[in-house]
Full PDB file with SEQRES, HELIX, SHEET, SSBOND, CRYST1, ORIGX, SCALE, CONECT and MASTER records, all heavy atoms in Angstrom:
SEQRES   1 A   41  ARG LEU CYS HIS ARG ILE HIS VAL LEU ASN TYR GLY ASN          
SEQRES   2 A   41  SER ILE ALA GLU GLY THR PRO ALA GLU ILE ARG GLU ASN          
SEQRES   3 A   41  PRO ALA VAL LEU GLU ALA TYR LEU GLY ARG GLY ALA GLU          
SEQRES   4 A   41  TYR ALA                                                      
HELIX    1 AA1 PRO A   20  GLU A   25  1                                   6    
HELIX    2 AA2 PRO A   27  VAL A   29  1                                   3    
HELIX    3 AA3 LEU A   30  LEU A   34  3                                   5    
SHEET    1 AA1 2 ILE A   6  ASN A  10  0                                        
SHEET    2 AA1 2 ASN A  13  GLY A  18 -1                                        
CRYST1    1.000    1.000    1.000  90.00  90.00  90.00 P 1           1          
ORIGX1      1.000000  0.000000  0.000000        0.00000                         
ORIGX2      0.000000  1.000000  0.000000        0.00000                         
ORIGX3      0.000000  0.000000  1.000000        0.00000                         
SCALE1      1.000000  0.000000  0.000000        0.00000                         
SCALE2      0.000000  1.000000  0.000000        0.00000                         
SCALE3      0.000000  0.000000  1.000000        0.00000                         
ATOM      1  N   ARG A   1       0.807  -1.256   0.035  1.00  0.00           N  
ATOM      2  CA  ARG A   1       0.003  -0.009   0.024  1.00  0.00           C  
ATOM      3  C   ARG A   1       0.839   1.218   0.037  1.00  0.00           C  
ATOM      4  O   ARG A   1       0.363   2.345  -0.456  1.00  0.00           O  
ATOM      5  CB  ARG A   1      -0.875   0.038   1.234  1.00  0.00           C  
ATOM      6  CG  ARG A   1      -2.016  -1.043   1.144  1.00  0.00           C  
ATOM      7  CD  ARG A   1      -2.670  -1.304   2.497  1.00  0.00           C  
ATOM      8  NE  ARG A   1      -3.385  -0.134   2.930  1.00  0.00           N  
ATOM      9  CZ  ARG A   1      -3.845   0.006   4.229  1.00  0.00           C  
ATOM     10  NH1 ARG A   1      -3.631  -0.963   5.037  1.00  0.00           N  
ATOM     11  NH2 ARG A   1      -4.559   1.126   4.453  1.00  0.00           N  
ATOM     12  N   LEU A   2       2.052   1.147   0.448  1.00  0.00           N  
ATOM     13  CA  LEU A   2       2.951   2.326   0.614  1.00  0.00           C  
ATOM     14  C   LEU A   2       3.760   2.678  -0.612  1.00  0.00           C  
ATOM     15  O   LEU A   2       3.983   3.791  -0.904  1.00  0.00           O  
ATOM     16  CB  LEU A   2       3.803   2.138   1.881  1.00  0.00           C  
ATOM     17  CG  LEU A   2       4.829   3.277   2.170  1.00  0.00           C  
ATOM     18  CD1 LEU A   2       4.155   4.603   2.418  1.00  0.00           C  
ATOM     19  CD2 LEU A   2       5.678   2.861   3.423  1.00  0.00           C  
ATOM     20  N   CYS A   3       4.289   1.605  -1.264  1.00  0.00           N  
ATOM     21  CA  CYS A   3       5.389   1.749  -2.169  1.00  0.00           C  
ATOM     22  C   CYS A   3       4.929   1.992  -3.642  1.00  0.00           C  
ATOM     23  O   CYS A   3       3.951   1.425  -4.047  1.00  0.00           O  
ATOM     24  CB  CYS A   3       6.307   0.545  -2.174  1.00  0.00           C  
ATOM     25  SG  CYS A   3       7.061   0.229  -0.563  1.00  0.00           S  
ATOM     26  N   HIS A   4       5.682   2.930  -4.293  1.00  0.00           N  
ATOM     27  CA  HIS A   4       5.438   3.154  -5.722  1.00  0.00           C  
ATOM     28  C   HIS A   4       5.971   2.005  -6.507  1.00  0.00           C  
ATOM     29  O   HIS A   4       5.413   1.529  -7.482  1.00  0.00           O  
ATOM     30  CB  HIS A   4       6.091   4.444  -6.232  1.00  0.00           C  
ATOM     31  CG  HIS A   4       5.500   5.654  -5.443  1.00  0.00           C  
ATOM     32  ND1 HIS A   4       6.266   6.386  -4.662  1.00  0.00           N  
ATOM     33  CD2 HIS A   4       4.252   6.158  -5.404  1.00  0.00           C  
ATOM     34  CE1 HIS A   4       5.478   7.475  -4.193  1.00  0.00           C  
ATOM     35  NE2 HIS A   4       4.253   7.247  -4.643  1.00  0.00           N  
ATOM     36  N   ARG A   5       7.184   1.484  -6.158  1.00  0.00           N  
ATOM     37  CA  ARG A   5       7.838   0.451  -6.824  1.00  0.00           C  
ATOM     38  C   ARG A   5       8.391  -0.473  -5.728  1.00  0.00           C  
ATOM     39  O   ARG A   5       8.688  -0.041  -4.579  1.00  0.00           O  
ATOM     40  CB  ARG A   5       8.955   0.858  -7.717  1.00  0.00           C  
ATOM     41  CG  ARG A   5       8.516   1.554  -8.972  1.00  0.00           C  
ATOM     42  CD  ARG A   5       9.730   1.991  -9.878  1.00  0.00           C  
ATOM     43  NE  ARG A   5      10.558   2.902  -9.249  1.00  0.00           N  
ATOM     44  CZ  ARG A   5      11.909   2.654  -8.975  1.00  0.00           C  
ATOM     45  NH1 ARG A   5      12.474   1.574  -9.346  1.00  0.00           N  
ATOM     46  NH2 ARG A   5      12.680   3.661  -8.418  1.00  0.00           N  
ATOM     47  N   ILE A   6       8.710  -1.777  -6.061  1.00  0.00           N  
ATOM     48  CA  ILE A   6       9.276  -2.659  -5.210  1.00  0.00           C  
ATOM     49  C   ILE A   6      10.432  -3.405  -5.913  1.00  0.00           C  
ATOM     50  O   ILE A   6      10.283  -3.863  -7.136  1.00  0.00           O  
ATOM     51  CB  ILE A   6       8.266  -3.698  -4.663  1.00  0.00           C  
ATOM     52  CG1 ILE A   6       7.149  -3.031  -3.972  1.00  0.00           C  
ATOM     53  CG2 ILE A   6       8.875  -4.771  -3.744  1.00  0.00           C  
ATOM     54  CD1 ILE A   6       5.884  -3.923  -3.620  1.00  0.00           C  
ATOM     55  N   HIS A   7      11.554  -3.573  -5.183  1.00  0.00           N  
ATOM     56  CA  HIS A   7      12.749  -4.206  -5.643  1.00  0.00           C  
ATOM     57  C   HIS A   7      12.912  -5.499  -4.853  1.00  0.00           C  
ATOM     58  O   HIS A   7      12.838  -5.442  -3.609  1.00  0.00           O  
ATOM     59  CB  HIS A   7      13.967  -3.321  -5.510  1.00  0.00           C  
ATOM     60  CG  HIS A   7      15.131  -3.847  -6.336  1.00  0.00           C  
ATOM     61  ND1 HIS A   7      15.519  -3.417  -7.502  1.00  0.00           N  
ATOM     62  CD2 HIS A   7      16.097  -4.821  -5.991  1.00  0.00           C  
ATOM     63  CE1 HIS A   7      16.648  -4.049  -7.957  1.00  0.00           C  
ATOM     64  NE2 HIS A   7      16.944  -4.934  -6.987  1.00  0.00           N  
ATOM     65  N   VAL A   8      13.048  -6.619  -5.476  1.00  0.00           N  
ATOM     66  CA  VAL A   8      13.143  -7.920  -4.799  1.00  0.00           C  
ATOM     67  C   VAL A   8      14.437  -8.563  -4.902  1.00  0.00           C  
ATOM     68  O   VAL A   8      15.027  -8.665  -5.940  1.00  0.00           O  
ATOM     69  CB  VAL A   8      12.033  -8.852  -5.355  1.00  0.00           C  
ATOM     70  CG1 VAL A   8      11.921 -10.121  -4.442  1.00  0.00           C  
ATOM     71  CG2 VAL A   8      10.730  -8.213  -5.434  1.00  0.00           C  
ATOM     72  N   LEU A   9      15.019  -8.976  -3.717  1.00  0.00           N  
ATOM     73  CA  LEU A   9      16.331  -9.687  -3.642  1.00  0.00           C  
ATOM     74  C   LEU A   9      16.069 -11.133  -3.227  1.00  0.00           C  
ATOM     75  O   LEU A   9      15.183 -11.428  -2.481  1.00  0.00           O  
ATOM     76  CB  LEU A   9      17.253  -9.008  -2.666  1.00  0.00           C  
ATOM     77  CG  LEU A   9      17.764  -7.579  -2.882  1.00  0.00           C  
ATOM     78  CD1 LEU A   9      18.653  -7.139  -1.715  1.00  0.00           C  
ATOM     79  CD2 LEU A   9      18.406  -7.519  -4.245  1.00  0.00           C  
ATOM     80  N   ASN A  10      16.939 -12.013  -3.752  1.00  0.00           N  
ATOM     81  CA  ASN A  10      16.953 -13.432  -3.249  1.00  0.00           C  
ATOM     82  C   ASN A  10      18.322 -13.961  -3.345  1.00  0.00           C  
ATOM     83  O   ASN A  10      18.985 -13.801  -4.455  1.00  0.00           O  
ATOM     84  CB  ASN A  10      16.016 -14.255  -4.110  1.00  0.00           C  
ATOM     85  CG  ASN A  10      15.770 -15.602  -3.475  1.00  0.00           C  
ATOM     86  OD1 ASN A  10      15.797 -15.784  -2.276  1.00  0.00           O  
ATOM     87  ND2 ASN A  10      15.615 -16.623  -4.309  1.00  0.00           N  
ATOM     88  N   TYR A  11      18.930 -14.407  -2.318  1.00  0.00           N  
ATOM     89  CA  TYR A  11      20.336 -14.900  -2.263  1.00  0.00           C  
ATOM     90  C   TYR A  11      21.198 -13.823  -2.815  1.00  0.00           C  
ATOM     91  O   TYR A  11      22.248 -14.153  -3.533  1.00  0.00           O  
ATOM     92  CB  TYR A  11      20.504 -16.137  -3.100  1.00  0.00           C  
ATOM     93  CG  TYR A  11      19.791 -17.358  -2.507  1.00  0.00           C  
ATOM     94  CD1 TYR A  11      18.698 -17.889  -3.123  1.00  0.00           C  
ATOM     95  CD2 TYR A  11      20.253 -17.959  -1.258  1.00  0.00           C  
ATOM     96  CE1 TYR A  11      18.022 -19.030  -2.622  1.00  0.00           C  
ATOM     97  CE2 TYR A  11      19.512 -19.003  -0.770  1.00  0.00           C  
ATOM     98  CZ  TYR A  11      18.353 -19.530  -1.365  1.00  0.00           C  
ATOM     99  OH  TYR A  11      17.749 -20.631  -0.858  1.00  0.00           O  
ATOM    100  N   GLY A  12      20.997 -12.531  -2.438  1.00  0.00           N  
ATOM    101  CA  GLY A  12      21.940 -11.511  -2.845  1.00  0.00           C  
ATOM    102  C   GLY A  12      21.682 -10.979  -4.179  1.00  0.00           C  
ATOM    103  O   GLY A  12      22.482 -10.010  -4.594  1.00  0.00           O  
ATOM    104  N   ASN A  13      20.807 -11.527  -4.965  1.00  0.00           N  
ATOM    105  CA  ASN A  13      20.600 -11.116  -6.415  1.00  0.00           C  
ATOM    106  C   ASN A  13      19.300 -10.412  -6.560  1.00  0.00           C  
ATOM    107  O   ASN A  13      18.321 -10.790  -5.948  1.00  0.00           O  
ATOM    108  CB  ASN A  13      20.676 -12.272  -7.272  1.00  0.00           C  
ATOM    109  CG  ASN A  13      22.071 -13.049  -7.293  1.00  0.00           C  
ATOM    110  OD1 ASN A  13      23.008 -12.517  -7.911  1.00  0.00           O  
ATOM    111  ND2 ASN A  13      22.198 -14.125  -6.597  1.00  0.00           N  
ATOM    112  N   SER A  14      19.194  -9.504  -7.428  1.00  0.00           N  
ATOM    113  CA  SER A  14      17.967  -8.870  -7.785  1.00  0.00           C  
ATOM    114  C   SER A  14      17.213  -9.828  -8.696  1.00  0.00           C  
ATOM    115  O   SER A  14      17.763 -10.347  -9.742  1.00  0.00           O  
ATOM    116  CB  SER A  14      18.211  -7.485  -8.638  1.00  0.00           C  
ATOM    117  OG  SER A  14      18.852  -6.653  -7.858  1.00  0.00           O  
ATOM    118  N   ILE A  15      15.991 -10.031  -8.351  1.00  0.00           N  
ATOM    119  CA  ILE A  15      15.185 -10.999  -9.122  1.00  0.00           C  
ATOM    120  C   ILE A  15      13.961 -10.373  -9.780  1.00  0.00           C  
ATOM    121  O   ILE A  15      13.374 -10.873 -10.688  1.00  0.00           O  
ATOM    122  CB  ILE A  15      14.694 -12.271  -8.370  1.00  0.00           C  
ATOM    123  CG1 ILE A  15      13.788 -11.925  -7.226  1.00  0.00           C  
ATOM    124  CG2 ILE A  15      15.830 -13.131  -7.946  1.00  0.00           C  
ATOM    125  CD1 ILE A  15      13.048 -13.041  -6.571  1.00  0.00           C  
ATOM    126  N   ALA A  16      13.606  -9.150  -9.331  1.00  0.00           N  
ATOM    127  CA  ALA A  16      12.515  -8.439  -9.930  1.00  0.00           C  
ATOM    128  C   ALA A  16      12.403  -7.000  -9.410  1.00  0.00           C  
ATOM    129  O   ALA A  16      12.932  -6.681  -8.335  1.00  0.00           O  
ATOM    130  CB  ALA A  16      11.136  -9.109  -9.632  1.00  0.00           C  
ATOM    131  N   GLU A  17      11.826  -6.099 -10.257  1.00  0.00           N  
ATOM    132  CA  GLU A  17      11.449  -4.847  -9.813  1.00  0.00           C  
ATOM    133  C   GLU A  17      10.207  -4.387 -10.567  1.00  0.00           C  
ATOM    134  O   GLU A  17      10.083  -4.711 -11.748  1.00  0.00           O  
ATOM    135  CB  GLU A  17      12.551  -3.819 -10.012  1.00  0.00           C  
ATOM    136  CG  GLU A  17      12.247  -2.374  -9.555  1.00  0.00           C  
ATOM    137  CD  GLU A  17      13.392  -1.393  -9.647  1.00  0.00           C  
ATOM    138  OE1 GLU A  17      14.379  -1.643  -8.951  1.00  0.00           O  
ATOM    139  OE2 GLU A  17      13.231  -0.446 -10.351  1.00  0.00           O  
ATOM    140  N   GLY A  18       9.324  -3.763  -9.860  1.00  0.00           N  
ATOM    141  CA  GLY A  18       8.076  -3.347 -10.581  1.00  0.00           C  
ATOM    142  C   GLY A  18       7.117  -2.632  -9.534  1.00  0.00           C  
ATOM    143  O   GLY A  18       7.396  -2.436  -8.386  1.00  0.00           O  
ATOM    144  N   THR A  19       5.941  -2.319 -10.051  1.00  0.00           N  
ATOM    145  CA  THR A  19       4.865  -1.849  -9.184  1.00  0.00           C  
ATOM    146  C   THR A  19       4.383  -2.938  -8.274  1.00  0.00           C  
ATOM    147  O   THR A  19       4.622  -4.119  -8.538  1.00  0.00           O  
ATOM    148  CB  THR A  19       3.670  -1.315 -10.074  1.00  0.00           C  
ATOM    149  OG1 THR A  19       3.090  -2.472 -10.747  1.00  0.00           O  
ATOM    150  CG2 THR A  19       4.070  -0.314 -11.093  1.00  0.00           C  
ATOM    151  N   PRO A  20       3.730  -2.591  -7.187  1.00  0.00           N  
ATOM    152  CA  PRO A  20       3.125  -3.663  -6.317  1.00  0.00           C  
ATOM    153  C   PRO A  20       2.291  -4.633  -7.138  1.00  0.00           C  
ATOM    154  O   PRO A  20       2.391  -5.829  -6.833  1.00  0.00           O  
ATOM    155  CB  PRO A  20       2.296  -2.815  -5.343  1.00  0.00           C  
ATOM    156  CG  PRO A  20       3.048  -1.507  -5.211  1.00  0.00           C  
ATOM    157  CD  PRO A  20       3.576  -1.179  -6.540  1.00  0.00           C  
ATOM    158  N   ALA A  21       1.435  -4.100  -8.046  1.00  0.00           N  
ATOM    159  CA  ALA A  21       0.642  -5.097  -8.820  1.00  0.00           C  
ATOM    160  C   ALA A  21       1.466  -6.058  -9.639  1.00  0.00           C  
ATOM    161  O   ALA A  21       1.216  -7.249  -9.714  1.00  0.00           O  
ATOM    162  CB  ALA A  21      -0.245  -4.383  -9.741  1.00  0.00           C  
ATOM    163  N   GLU A  22       2.517  -5.537 -10.212  1.00  0.00           N  
ATOM    164  CA  GLU A  22       3.472  -6.399 -11.012  1.00  0.00           C  
ATOM    165  C   GLU A  22       4.178  -7.412 -10.097  1.00  0.00           C  
ATOM    166  O   GLU A  22       4.394  -8.562 -10.463  1.00  0.00           O  
ATOM    167  CB  GLU A  22       4.437  -5.539 -11.744  1.00  0.00           C  
ATOM    168  CG  GLU A  22       3.861  -4.792 -12.846  1.00  0.00           C  
ATOM    169  CD  GLU A  22       4.767  -3.673 -13.487  1.00  0.00           C  
ATOM    170  OE1 GLU A  22       5.699  -3.288 -12.693  1.00  0.00           O  
ATOM    171  OE2 GLU A  22       4.481  -3.246 -14.548  1.00  0.00           O  
ATOM    172  N   ILE A  23       4.580  -7.032  -8.931  1.00  0.00           N  
ATOM    173  CA  ILE A  23       5.346  -7.839  -8.002  1.00  0.00           C  
ATOM    174  C   ILE A  23       4.379  -8.965  -7.505  1.00  0.00           C  
ATOM    175  O   ILE A  23       4.841 -10.075  -7.356  1.00  0.00           O  
ATOM    176  CB  ILE A  23       5.943  -7.052  -6.864  1.00  0.00           C  
ATOM    177  CG1 ILE A  23       7.050  -6.129  -7.419  1.00  0.00           C  
ATOM    178  CG2 ILE A  23       6.507  -7.994  -5.767  1.00  0.00           C  
ATOM    179  CD1 ILE A  23       8.246  -6.802  -8.164  1.00  0.00           C  
ATOM    180  N   ARG A  24       3.203  -8.617  -7.164  1.00  0.00           N  
ATOM    181  CA  ARG A  24       2.203  -9.670  -6.670  1.00  0.00           C  
ATOM    182  C   ARG A  24       2.050 -10.815  -7.770  1.00  0.00           C  
ATOM    183  O   ARG A  24       1.734 -11.882  -7.324  1.00  0.00           O  
ATOM    184  CB  ARG A  24       0.834  -9.038  -6.430  1.00  0.00           C  
ATOM    185  CG  ARG A  24       0.712  -8.281  -5.138  1.00  0.00           C  
ATOM    186  CD  ARG A  24      -0.742  -8.062  -4.871  1.00  0.00           C  
ATOM    187  NE  ARG A  24      -1.403  -7.152  -5.805  1.00  0.00           N  
ATOM    188  CZ  ARG A  24      -1.547  -5.840  -5.615  1.00  0.00           C  
ATOM    189  NH1 ARG A  24      -1.129  -5.248  -4.584  1.00  0.00           N  
ATOM    190  NH2 ARG A  24      -2.135  -5.086  -6.602  1.00  0.00           N  
ATOM    191  N   GLU A  25       2.194 -10.511  -8.970  1.00  0.00           N  
ATOM    192  CA  GLU A  25       1.992 -11.549  -9.968  1.00  0.00           C  
ATOM    193  C   GLU A  25       3.270 -12.142 -10.573  1.00  0.00           C  
ATOM    194  O   GLU A  25       3.159 -12.898 -11.575  1.00  0.00           O  
ATOM    195  CB  GLU A  25       1.110 -10.934 -11.067  1.00  0.00           C  
ATOM    196  CG  GLU A  25      -0.281 -10.422 -10.625  1.00  0.00           C  
ATOM    197  CD  GLU A  25      -1.028  -9.616 -11.632  1.00  0.00           C  
ATOM    198  OE1 GLU A  25      -0.434  -9.443 -12.740  1.00  0.00           O  
ATOM    199  OE2 GLU A  25      -2.145  -9.238 -11.358  1.00  0.00           O  
ATOM    200  N   ASN A  26       4.479 -11.619 -10.141  1.00  0.00           N  
ATOM    201  CA  ASN A  26       5.641 -12.079 -10.679  1.00  0.00           C  
ATOM    202  C   ASN A  26       5.985 -13.515 -10.305  1.00  0.00           C  
ATOM    203  O   ASN A  26       6.109 -13.814  -9.052  1.00  0.00           O  
ATOM    204  CB  ASN A  26       6.790 -11.146 -10.301  1.00  0.00           C  
ATOM    205  CG  ASN A  26       8.145 -11.515 -10.969  1.00  0.00           C  
ATOM    206  OD1 ASN A  26       8.719 -12.493 -10.679  1.00  0.00           O  
ATOM    207  ND2 ASN A  26       8.593 -10.536 -11.815  1.00  0.00           N  
ATOM    208  N   PRO A  27       6.127 -14.510 -11.224  1.00  0.00           N  
ATOM    209  CA  PRO A  27       6.383 -15.881 -10.807  1.00  0.00           C  
ATOM    210  C   PRO A  27       7.591 -16.104 -10.042  1.00  0.00           C  
ATOM    211  O   PRO A  27       7.535 -16.958  -9.089  1.00  0.00           O  
ATOM    212  CB  PRO A  27       6.419 -16.644 -12.189  1.00  0.00           C  
ATOM    213  CG  PRO A  27       5.668 -15.732 -13.130  1.00  0.00           C  
ATOM    214  CD  PRO A  27       5.962 -14.370 -12.667  1.00  0.00           C  
ATOM    215  N   ALA A  28       8.671 -15.417 -10.310  1.00  0.00           N  
ATOM    216  CA  ALA A  28       9.905 -15.656  -9.618  1.00  0.00           C  
ATOM    217  C   ALA A  28       9.849 -15.158  -8.125  1.00  0.00           C  
ATOM    218  O   ALA A  28      10.324 -15.718  -7.129  1.00  0.00           O  
ATOM    219  CB  ALA A  28      11.066 -14.872 -10.273  1.00  0.00           C  
ATOM    220  N   VAL A  29       8.983 -14.026  -7.871  1.00  0.00           N  
ATOM    221  CA  VAL A  29       8.805 -13.507  -6.581  1.00  0.00           C  
ATOM    222  C   VAL A  29       7.962 -14.373  -5.799  1.00  0.00           C  
ATOM    223  O   VAL A  29       8.109 -14.676  -4.633  1.00  0.00           O  
ATOM    224  CB  VAL A  29       8.248 -12.110  -6.624  1.00  0.00           C  
ATOM    225  CG1 VAL A  29       7.980 -11.584  -5.216  1.00  0.00           C  
ATOM    226  CG2 VAL A  29       9.181 -11.155  -7.422  1.00  0.00           C  
ATOM    227  N   LEU A  30       6.808 -14.921  -6.407  1.00  0.00           N  
ATOM    228  CA  LEU A  30       5.898 -15.804  -5.732  1.00  0.00           C  
ATOM    229  C   LEU A  30       6.707 -17.113  -5.291  1.00  0.00           C  
ATOM    230  O   LEU A  30       6.440 -17.603  -4.179  1.00  0.00           O  
ATOM    231  CB  LEU A  30       4.698 -16.185  -6.684  1.00  0.00           C  
ATOM    232  CG  LEU A  30       3.826 -15.000  -7.057  1.00  0.00           C  
ATOM    233  CD1 LEU A  30       2.830 -15.535  -8.138  1.00  0.00           C  
ATOM    234  CD2 LEU A  30       3.121 -14.592  -5.800  1.00  0.00           C  
ATOM    235  N   GLU A  31       7.579 -17.575  -6.174  1.00  0.00           N  
ATOM    236  CA  GLU A  31       8.271 -18.761  -5.799  1.00  0.00           C  
ATOM    237  C   GLU A  31       9.284 -18.506  -4.672  1.00  0.00           C  
ATOM    238  O   GLU A  31       9.530 -19.355  -3.816  1.00  0.00           O  
ATOM    239  CB  GLU A  31       9.005 -19.327  -7.110  1.00  0.00           C  
ATOM    240  CG  GLU A  31       9.712 -20.598  -6.888  1.00  0.00           C  
ATOM    241  CD  GLU A  31       8.699 -21.800  -6.765  1.00  0.00           C  
ATOM    242  OE1 GLU A  31       7.638 -21.691  -7.286  1.00  0.00           O  
ATOM    243  OE2 GLU A  31       9.102 -22.759  -6.063  1.00  0.00           O  
ATOM    244  N   ALA A  32       9.969 -17.448  -4.787  1.00  0.00           N  
ATOM    245  CA  ALA A  32      11.071 -17.216  -3.843  1.00  0.00           C  
ATOM    246  C   ALA A  32      10.604 -16.656  -2.479  1.00  0.00           C  
ATOM    247  O   ALA A  32      11.264 -16.815  -1.394  1.00  0.00           O  
ATOM    248  CB  ALA A  32      12.028 -16.221  -4.416  1.00  0.00           C  
ATOM    249  N   TYR A  33       9.483 -15.903  -2.451  1.00  0.00           N  
ATOM    250  CA  TYR A  33       9.146 -15.194  -1.264  1.00  0.00           C  
ATOM    251  C   TYR A  33       7.742 -15.081  -0.948  1.00  0.00           C  
ATOM    252  O   TYR A  33       7.374 -15.506   0.200  1.00  0.00           O  
ATOM    253  CB  TYR A  33       9.768 -13.708  -1.381  1.00  0.00           C  
ATOM    254  CG  TYR A  33       9.534 -12.876  -0.175  1.00  0.00           C  
ATOM    255  CD1 TYR A  33      10.006 -13.302   1.129  1.00  0.00           C  
ATOM    256  CD2 TYR A  33       9.002 -11.632  -0.253  1.00  0.00           C  
ATOM    257  CE1 TYR A  33       9.853 -12.517   2.228  1.00  0.00           C  
ATOM    258  CE2 TYR A  33       8.781 -10.849   0.867  1.00  0.00           C  
ATOM    259  CZ  TYR A  33       9.290 -11.310   2.149  1.00  0.00           C  
ATOM    260  OH  TYR A  33       9.146 -10.498   3.262  1.00  0.00           O  
ATOM    261  N   LEU A  34       6.899 -14.618  -1.751  1.00  0.00           N  
ATOM    262  CA  LEU A  34       5.490 -14.288  -1.390  1.00  0.00           C  
ATOM    263  C   LEU A  34       4.649 -15.591  -1.288  1.00  0.00           C  
ATOM    264  O   LEU A  34       3.742 -15.631  -0.426  1.00  0.00           O  
ATOM    265  CB  LEU A  34       4.802 -13.353  -2.441  1.00  0.00           C  
ATOM    266  CG  LEU A  34       5.398 -11.920  -2.539  1.00  0.00           C  
ATOM    267  CD1 LEU A  34       4.600 -11.134  -3.517  1.00  0.00           C  
ATOM    268  CD2 LEU A  34       5.353 -11.223  -1.204  1.00  0.00           C  
ATOM    269  N   GLY A  35       4.959 -16.563  -2.032  1.00  0.00           N  
ATOM    270  CA  GLY A  35       4.186 -17.767  -2.020  1.00  0.00           C  
ATOM    271  C   GLY A  35       2.973 -17.772  -2.926  1.00  0.00           C  
ATOM    272  O   GLY A  35       2.433 -16.723  -3.251  1.00  0.00           O  
ATOM    273  N   ARG A  36       2.506 -18.906  -3.344  1.00  0.00           N  
ATOM    274  CA  ARG A  36       1.327 -18.990  -4.145  1.00  0.00           C  
ATOM    275  C   ARG A  36       0.109 -18.493  -3.424  1.00  0.00           C  
ATOM    276  O   ARG A  36      -0.013 -18.752  -2.199  1.00  0.00           O  
ATOM    277  CB  ARG A  36       1.140 -20.504  -4.627  1.00  0.00           C  
ATOM    278  CG  ARG A  36       2.202 -21.073  -5.380  1.00  0.00           C  
ATOM    279  CD  ARG A  36       2.498 -20.337  -6.696  1.00  0.00           C  
ATOM    280  NE  ARG A  36       3.597 -20.746  -7.442  1.00  0.00           N  
ATOM    281  CZ  ARG A  36       4.083 -20.239  -8.544  1.00  0.00           C  
ATOM    282  NH1 ARG A  36       3.416 -19.235  -9.161  1.00  0.00           N  
ATOM    283  NH2 ARG A  36       5.146 -20.631  -9.187  1.00  0.00           N  
ATOM    284  N   GLY A  37      -0.681 -17.817  -4.113  1.00  0.00           N  
ATOM    285  CA  GLY A  37      -1.924 -17.185  -3.570  1.00  0.00           C  
ATOM    286  C   GLY A  37      -1.633 -15.791  -3.028  1.00  0.00           C  
ATOM    287  O   GLY A  37      -2.618 -15.084  -2.711  1.00  0.00           O  
ATOM    288  N   ALA A  38      -0.375 -15.302  -3.045  1.00  0.00           N  
ATOM    289  CA  ALA A  38      -0.142 -13.993  -2.528  1.00  0.00           C  
ATOM    290  C   ALA A  38      -0.743 -12.882  -3.512  1.00  0.00           C  
ATOM    291  O   ALA A  38      -1.096 -11.822  -2.945  1.00  0.00           O  
ATOM    292  CB  ALA A  38       1.339 -13.706  -2.452  1.00  0.00           C  
ATOM    293  N   GLU A  39      -0.847 -13.194  -4.784  1.00  0.00           N  
ATOM    294  CA  GLU A  39      -1.525 -12.248  -5.669  1.00  0.00           C  
ATOM    295  C   GLU A  39      -2.980 -11.966  -5.196  1.00  0.00           C  
ATOM    296  O   GLU A  39      -3.476 -10.842  -5.572  1.00  0.00           O  
ATOM    297  CB  GLU A  39      -1.426 -12.734  -7.125  1.00  0.00           C  
ATOM    298  CG  GLU A  39      -2.282 -13.971  -7.377  1.00  0.00           C  
ATOM    299  CD  GLU A  39      -1.368 -15.308  -7.286  1.00  0.00           C  
ATOM    300  OE1 GLU A  39      -0.571 -15.245  -6.354  1.00  0.00           O  
ATOM    301  OE2 GLU A  39      -1.544 -16.189  -8.115  1.00  0.00           O  
ATOM    302  N   TYR A  40      -3.599 -12.840  -4.495  1.00  0.00           N  
ATOM    303  CA  TYR A  40      -4.889 -12.617  -3.941  1.00  0.00           C  
ATOM    304  C   TYR A  40      -4.880 -11.856  -2.612  1.00  0.00           C  
ATOM    305  O   TYR A  40      -5.663 -11.092  -2.241  1.00  0.00           O  
ATOM    306  CB  TYR A  40      -5.744 -13.833  -3.953  1.00  0.00           C  
ATOM    307  CG  TYR A  40      -5.786 -14.530  -5.187  1.00  0.00           C  
ATOM    308  CD1 TYR A  40      -5.068 -15.695  -5.492  1.00  0.00           C  
ATOM    309  CD2 TYR A  40      -6.499 -13.986  -6.316  1.00  0.00           C  
ATOM    310  CE1 TYR A  40      -5.098 -16.394  -6.708  1.00  0.00           C  
ATOM    311  CE2 TYR A  40      -6.571 -14.574  -7.532  1.00  0.00           C  
ATOM    312  CZ  TYR A  40      -5.841 -15.856  -7.784  1.00  0.00           C  
ATOM    313  OH  TYR A  40      -5.880 -16.451  -8.971  1.00  0.00           O  
ATOM    314  N   ALA A  41      -3.902 -12.320  -1.730  1.00  0.00           N  
ATOM    315  CA  ALA A  41      -3.813 -11.964  -0.416  1.00  0.00           C  
ATOM    316  C   ALA A  41      -3.519 -10.498  -0.220  1.00  0.00           C  
ATOM    317  O   ALA A  41      -3.952  -9.851   0.764  1.00  0.00           O  
ATOM    318  CB  ALA A  41      -2.791 -12.744   0.356  1.00  0.00           C  
TER     319      ALA A  41                                                      
MASTER        0    0    0    3    2    0    0    6  318    1    0    4          
END                                                                             
């Protein structure tokens, strides 16, 4: 709700950057961090 953009790290590497809506639906982010179903949560 706060951020204009979100940058995502995993094991020290950048794996994604985008709007909150884009990050919610990014397969690499869902797999590494948010988990399946997060795009709804």
